[in-house]
Amino acid sequence: MSAVSANIASIKAEIAKACQSCGRKQSDVSLVAVSKTKPLSQMIEAYDAGQRVFGENYVQELEEKNRQLKERDSSVGNDFEFHLIGPLQSNKVNRVVGLCSLIHSVDRLKIADAISRSAESKNLKQDVLLQINISKQSSKSGVMPEQASAFLAHCLSLTGIRVLGLMSIGSSIDVEPKVSEIEREFAEMFELRNKLSLEFALELPHLSMGMSGDFPLAIKHGSTLVRVGSAIFGEREYGES
């Protein structure tokens, strides 16, 4: 068993344990393997270990990996799924719409509008999540929680996108006192999703929150998509191709 395969098994065991501890079904939580800066060969190892959903941050890297994947004469099937989890610039929207099954990082009206226009031109609906700046830190993207209702209302008026839920990046938990802070943020995200669902009589099935260091806490508070990278593929070296 490769290191990547062993790490996948370990993470899935942790997901199962976290689900059991809070009374959720493991099938309610999907693992998004964050593969940014990692070669396709490692992603294939993860695929062979049963992983199907991969999160990318950079449009150019996503395009290149998709090209490499299509050129492979291999057993990798059509169930290999890309999610865009990083920030998206308006001039790159057209390149990613239809290429990703889900865009997690819709963080402003301009991007939502651009995604919808691109999707309409391709005769499709792009599934998206709305990014919420739940920590209210200036270093993080996303709309403020108090603006979420107006943002969702606008997005629901767009015919080229389908909103499936919310996404957030919690505060760092590098030091122990931050654990209670990030748990509060996850709980607030869960409450916000439920509030919006009731307000708009709309099913919002997904909450994308939790990363390598905090995903068990995110699962406890309703996360359906956990984004785990370094715990699967190892620490990133940003000089990698």
Foldseek 3Di string as FASTA:
>chain_A
DDLLLVLLVVVLVLLCVLCVVQVHHSLLAAEAAEQELHDVVSVVVNVVSPHAHYEYADLVVLVVSVVVVVPDPDPDDPSRAYEYAHDDDLVCLLSCQVSHQEYEEQADPSSLQSNLVSQVVVVAAHEYAFEEALVPDPVDTHHHLVCVLVSVVSSVVRPRYDYQYHEYEFDDPPDPVCLVVRLVSLLVRLVSRVVSCVVVVHHNSAYEYAEDVGVSSNVSNPHRYYYYYCSNVNDHDVVHD
